[in-house]
């Protein structure tokens, strides 16, 4: 996968390319890799399910200093990011 720049609070369209017992690995169309921990996946919190490979998602970047970046699918994290972007 490629190496690109993402920013904290940025929303990205990603596709799941692998699952692990602790979360899912995702990549943007440009090949930037990310990881979403199970605790940041609503379906895992509700039913113990994670999105499968090939699933498209809208993710918010929580940590851009780590490689791969860390993201979240939680509505509250997305809303916090949108509020932060409005203030800048």
N, C-alpha and C. Protein backbone atom coordinates (compact mmCIF):
# COMPACT_ATOMS: atom_id res chain seq x y z
N UNK A 1 0.84 -1.18 0.00
CA UNK A 1 0.00 0.00 0.00
C UNK A 1 0.88 1.24 0.00
N UNK A 2 0.30 2.36 -0.37
CA UNK A 2 1.07 3.60 -0.49
C UNK A 2 1.29 4.27 0.84
N UNK A 3 2.07 5.34 0.79
CA UNK A 3 2.34 6.12 2.00
C UNK A 3 1.86 7.53 1.73
N UNK A 4 0.86 8.00 2.48
CA UNK A 4 0.32 9.33 2.25
C UNK A 4 0.10 10.05 3.55
N UNK A 5 -0.34 11.28 3.43
CA UNK A 5 -0.56 12.11 4.60
C UNK A 5 -2.05 12.17 4.91
N UNK A 6 -2.38 11.96 6.16
CA UNK A 6 -3.73 12.17 6.67
C UNK A 6 -3.60 13.07 7.88
N UNK A 7 -4.70 13.69 8.26
CA UNK A 7 -4.69 14.61 9.39
C UNK A 7 -5.72 14.20 10.43
N UNK A 8 -5.42 14.45 11.68
CA UNK A 8 -6.38 14.20 12.76
C UNK A 8 -7.66 14.97 12.44
N UNK A 9 -8.79 14.35 12.71
CA UNK A 9 -10.14 14.89 12.50
C UNK A 9 -10.57 14.86 11.03
N UNK A 10 -9.73 14.39 10.14
CA UNK A 10 -10.11 14.27 8.73
C UNK A 10 -11.02 13.06 8.56
N UNK A 11 -12.03 13.20 7.71
CA UNK A 11 -12.89 12.07 7.37
C UNK A 11 -12.44 11.51 6.03
N UNK A 12 -12.33 10.19 5.98
CA UNK A 12 -11.83 9.52 4.78
C UNK A 12 -12.74 8.37 4.38
N UNK A 13 -12.85 8.14 3.08
CA UNK A 13 -13.50 6.95 2.58
C UNK A 13 -12.42 5.87 2.48
N UNK A 14 -12.69 4.74 3.10
CA UNK A 14 -11.73 3.64 3.13
C UNK A 14 -12.43 2.34 2.77
N UNK A 15 -11.62 1.32 2.49
CA UNK A 15 -12.13 -0.02 2.23
C UNK A 15 -11.39 -0.99 3.15
N UNK A 16 -12.13 -1.88 3.77
CA UNK A 16 -11.54 -2.91 4.63
C UNK A 16 -10.78 -3.89 3.74
N UNK A 17 -9.51 -4.16 4.07
CA UNK A 17 -8.76 -5.16 3.31
C UNK A 17 -8.34 -6.36 4.15
N UNK A 18 -8.50 -6.28 5.47
CA UNK A 18 -8.19 -7.43 6.34
C UNK A 18 -8.86 -7.23 7.69
N UNK A 19 -9.15 -8.34 8.34
CA UNK A 19 -9.69 -8.28 9.70
C UNK A 19 -8.73 -9.01 10.63
N UNK A 20 -8.72 -8.56 11.88
CA UNK A 20 -7.92 -9.21 12.92
C UNK A 20 -8.85 -9.45 14.10
N UNK A 21 -8.35 -10.12 15.11
CA UNK A 21 -9.19 -10.35 16.29
C UNK A 21 -9.41 -9.07 17.09
N UNK A 22 -8.63 -8.02 16.83
CA UNK A 22 -8.74 -6.77 17.60
C UNK A 22 -9.20 -5.57 16.77
N UNK A 23 -9.51 -5.78 15.47
CA UNK A 23 -10.00 -4.68 14.65
C UNK A 23 -9.88 -4.97 13.16
N UNK A 24 -9.99 -3.90 12.35
CA UNK A 24 -9.92 -4.06 10.90
C UNK A 24 -8.84 -3.16 10.31
N UNK A 25 -8.22 -3.67 9.26
CA UNK A 25 -7.23 -2.89 8.51
C UNK A 25 -7.94 -2.32 7.30
N UNK A 26 -7.70 -1.03 7.07
CA UNK A 26 -8.37 -0.32 5.98
C UNK A 26 -7.35 0.42 5.14
N UNK A 27 -7.78 0.83 3.95
CA UNK A 27 -6.92 1.64 3.09
C UNK A 27 -7.78 2.62 2.30
N UNK A 28 -7.22 3.80 2.06
CA UNK A 28 -7.88 4.78 1.21
C UNK A 28 -7.68 4.38 -0.24
N UNK A 29 -8.36 5.06 -1.13
CA UNK A 29 -8.21 4.84 -2.56
C UNK A 29 -6.77 5.07 -3.00
N UNK A 30 -6.06 5.97 -2.30
CA UNK A 30 -4.66 6.28 -2.61
C UNK A 30 -3.69 5.30 -1.97
N UNK A 31 -4.21 4.33 -1.23
CA UNK A 31 -3.35 3.32 -0.62
C UNK A 31 -2.82 3.65 0.75
N UNK A 32 -3.34 4.70 1.39
CA UNK A 32 -2.91 5.03 2.75
C UNK A 32 -3.58 4.06 3.71
N UNK A 33 -2.79 3.36 4.51
CA UNK A 33 -3.30 2.34 5.41
C UNK A 33 -3.73 2.91 6.76
N UNK A 34 -4.80 2.33 7.29
CA UNK A 34 -5.29 2.71 8.60
C UNK A 34 -5.73 1.48 9.38
N UNK A 35 -6.01 1.67 10.65
CA UNK A 35 -6.49 0.60 11.51
C UNK A 35 -7.62 1.13 12.37
N UNK A 36 -8.67 0.33 12.51
CA UNK A 36 -9.81 0.68 13.37
C UNK A 36 -9.95 -0.41 14.43
N UNK A 37 -9.73 -0.04 15.68
CA UNK A 37 -9.86 -0.96 16.80
C UNK A 37 -11.33 -1.35 16.97
N UNK A 38 -11.57 -2.58 17.41
CA UNK A 38 -12.94 -3.03 17.64
C UNK A 38 -13.75 -2.06 18.49
N UNK A 39 -13.13 -1.41 19.47
CA UNK A 39 -13.85 -0.49 20.35
C UNK A 39 -14.32 0.77 19.63
N UNK A 40 -13.88 0.97 18.40
CA UNK A 40 -14.30 2.12 17.59
C UNK A 40 -15.19 1.70 16.42
N UNK A 41 -15.75 0.46 16.52
CA UNK A 41 -16.64 -0.08 15.48
C UNK A 41 -18.01 -0.33 16.11
N UNK A 42 -19.04 0.45 15.72
CA UNK A 42 -20.35 0.29 16.35
C UNK A 42 -20.91 -1.13 16.28
N UNK A 43 -20.75 -1.83 15.16
CA UNK A 43 -21.32 -3.18 15.04
C UNK A 43 -20.62 -4.17 15.96
N UNK A 44 -19.35 -3.94 16.26
CA UNK A 44 -18.65 -4.82 17.20
C UNK A 44 -19.16 -4.55 18.62
N UNK A 45 -19.35 -3.29 18.95
CA UNK A 45 -19.85 -2.95 20.28
C UNK A 45 -21.26 -3.51 20.51
N UNK A 46 -22.09 -3.48 19.47
CA UNK A 46 -23.48 -3.92 19.60
C UNK A 46 -23.64 -5.44 19.50
N UNK A 47 -22.90 -6.05 18.54
CA UNK A 47 -23.15 -7.47 18.25
C UNK A 47 -21.89 -8.33 18.13
N UNK A 48 -20.72 -7.74 18.36
CA UNK A 48 -19.49 -8.49 18.22
C UNK A 48 -19.10 -8.75 16.78
N UNK A 49 -19.63 -7.95 15.85
CA UNK A 49 -19.35 -8.13 14.42
C UNK A 49 -18.47 -7.00 13.90
N UNK A 50 -17.58 -7.34 12.95
CA UNK A 50 -16.76 -6.33 12.29
C UNK A 50 -17.08 -6.33 10.80
N UNK A 51 -16.87 -5.20 10.12
CA UNK A 51 -17.08 -5.17 8.68
C UNK A 51 -16.10 -6.11 7.98
N UNK A 52 -16.57 -6.78 6.94
CA UNK A 52 -15.73 -7.72 6.21
C UNK A 52 -14.89 -7.08 5.14
N UNK A 53 -13.94 -7.84 4.62
CA UNK A 53 -13.07 -7.36 3.54
C UNK A 53 -13.92 -6.89 2.36
N UNK A 54 -13.51 -5.75 1.79
CA UNK A 54 -14.22 -5.17 0.65
C UNK A 54 -15.29 -4.17 1.04
N UNK A 55 -15.58 -4.04 2.34
CA UNK A 55 -16.60 -3.10 2.81
C UNK A 55 -16.07 -1.68 2.77
N UNK A 56 -16.84 -0.77 2.18
CA UNK A 56 -16.49 0.65 2.15
C UNK A 56 -17.03 1.32 3.41
N UNK A 57 -16.20 2.21 3.99
CA UNK A 57 -16.56 2.88 5.24
C UNK A 57 -16.15 4.35 5.20
N UNK A 58 -16.82 5.16 6.02
CA UNK A 58 -16.39 6.53 6.27
C UNK A 58 -15.77 6.52 7.66
N UNK A 59 -14.49 6.87 7.74
CA UNK A 59 -13.74 6.82 8.99
C UNK A 59 -13.22 8.21 9.32
N UNK A 60 -13.12 8.50 10.61
CA UNK A 60 -12.48 9.73 11.05
C UNK A 60 -11.12 9.38 11.63
N UNK A 61 -10.11 10.18 11.30
CA UNK A 61 -8.75 9.94 11.78
C UNK A 61 -8.62 10.44 13.21
N UNK A 62 -8.22 9.54 14.12
CA UNK A 62 -8.00 9.90 15.52
C UNK A 62 -6.53 10.16 15.82
N UNK A 63 -5.65 9.43 15.15
CA UNK A 63 -4.21 9.52 15.42
C UNK A 63 -3.47 9.40 14.10
N UNK A 64 -2.88 10.50 13.66
CA UNK A 64 -2.15 10.51 12.38
C UNK A 64 -0.65 10.31 12.57
N UNK A 65 -0.19 10.21 13.81
CA UNK A 65 1.24 10.04 14.07
C UNK A 65 1.64 8.56 14.00
N UNK A 66 0.68 7.69 14.12
CA UNK A 66 0.98 6.26 14.08
C UNK A 66 0.84 5.74 12.65
N UNK A 67 1.60 4.73 12.34
CA UNK A 67 1.52 4.08 11.03
C UNK A 67 1.18 2.63 11.26
N UNK A 68 0.03 2.16 10.82
CA UNK A 68 -0.99 2.89 10.08
C UNK A 68 -1.76 3.85 11.01
N UNK A 69 -2.42 4.85 10.39
CA UNK A 69 -3.19 5.80 11.19
C UNK A 69 -4.29 5.04 11.93
N UNK A 70 -4.76 5.61 13.04
CA UNK A 70 -5.85 5.02 13.81
C UNK A 70 -7.12 5.80 13.52
N UNK A 71 -8.21 5.07 13.31
CA UNK A 71 -9.47 5.71 12.96
C UNK A 71 -10.63 5.21 13.80
N UNK A 72 -11.78 5.83 13.59
CA UNK A 72 -13.00 5.48 14.31
C UNK A 72 -14.20 5.56 13.37
N UNK A 73 -15.17 4.68 13.64
CA UNK A 73 -16.46 4.70 12.95
C UNK A 73 -17.57 5.21 13.86
N UNK A 74 -17.24 5.55 15.11
CA UNK A 74 -18.26 5.96 16.07
C UNK A 74 -18.81 7.34 15.75
N UNK A 75 -20.13 7.46 15.81
CA UNK A 75 -20.79 8.74 15.52
C UNK A 75 -20.25 9.87 16.40
N UNK A 76 -20.01 9.57 17.69
CA UNK A 76 -19.55 10.63 18.58
C UNK A 76 -18.15 11.12 18.20
N UNK A 77 -17.29 10.24 17.72
CA UNK A 77 -15.95 10.66 17.27
C UNK A 77 -16.04 11.48 15.99
N UNK A 78 -16.94 11.08 15.09
CA UNK A 78 -17.13 11.83 13.85
C UNK A 78 -17.67 13.23 14.17
N UNK A 79 -18.62 13.31 15.09
CA UNK A 79 -19.19 14.61 15.46
C UNK A 79 -18.14 15.50 16.13
N UNK A 80 -17.33 14.94 17.01
CA UNK A 80 -16.26 15.71 17.64
C UNK A 80 -15.29 16.25 16.59
N UNK A 81 -14.95 15.44 15.62
CA UNK A 81 -14.03 15.87 14.56
C UNK A 81 -14.65 16.99 13.74
N UNK A 82 -15.93 16.87 13.41
CA UNK A 82 -16.60 17.93 12.64
C UNK A 82 -16.63 19.23 13.41
N UNK A 83 -16.90 19.15 14.72
CA UNK A 83 -16.90 20.35 15.55
C UNK A 83 -15.49 20.96 15.60
N UNK A 84 -14.47 20.14 15.72
CA UNK A 84 -13.10 20.65 15.75
C UNK A 84 -12.74 21.34 14.44
N UNK A 85 -13.17 20.78 13.33
CA UNK A 85 -12.87 21.40 12.02
C UNK A 85 -13.59 22.73 11.86
N UNK A 86 -14.79 22.84 12.41
CA UNK A 86 -15.55 24.10 12.33
C UNK A 86 -14.85 25.21 13.10
N UNK A 87 -14.13 24.86 14.16
CA UNK A 87 -13.48 25.86 15.01
C UNK A 87 -12.15 26.35 14.46
N UNK A 88 -11.63 25.68 13.43
CA UNK A 88 -10.33 26.11 12.89
C UNK A 88 -10.51 26.98 11.67
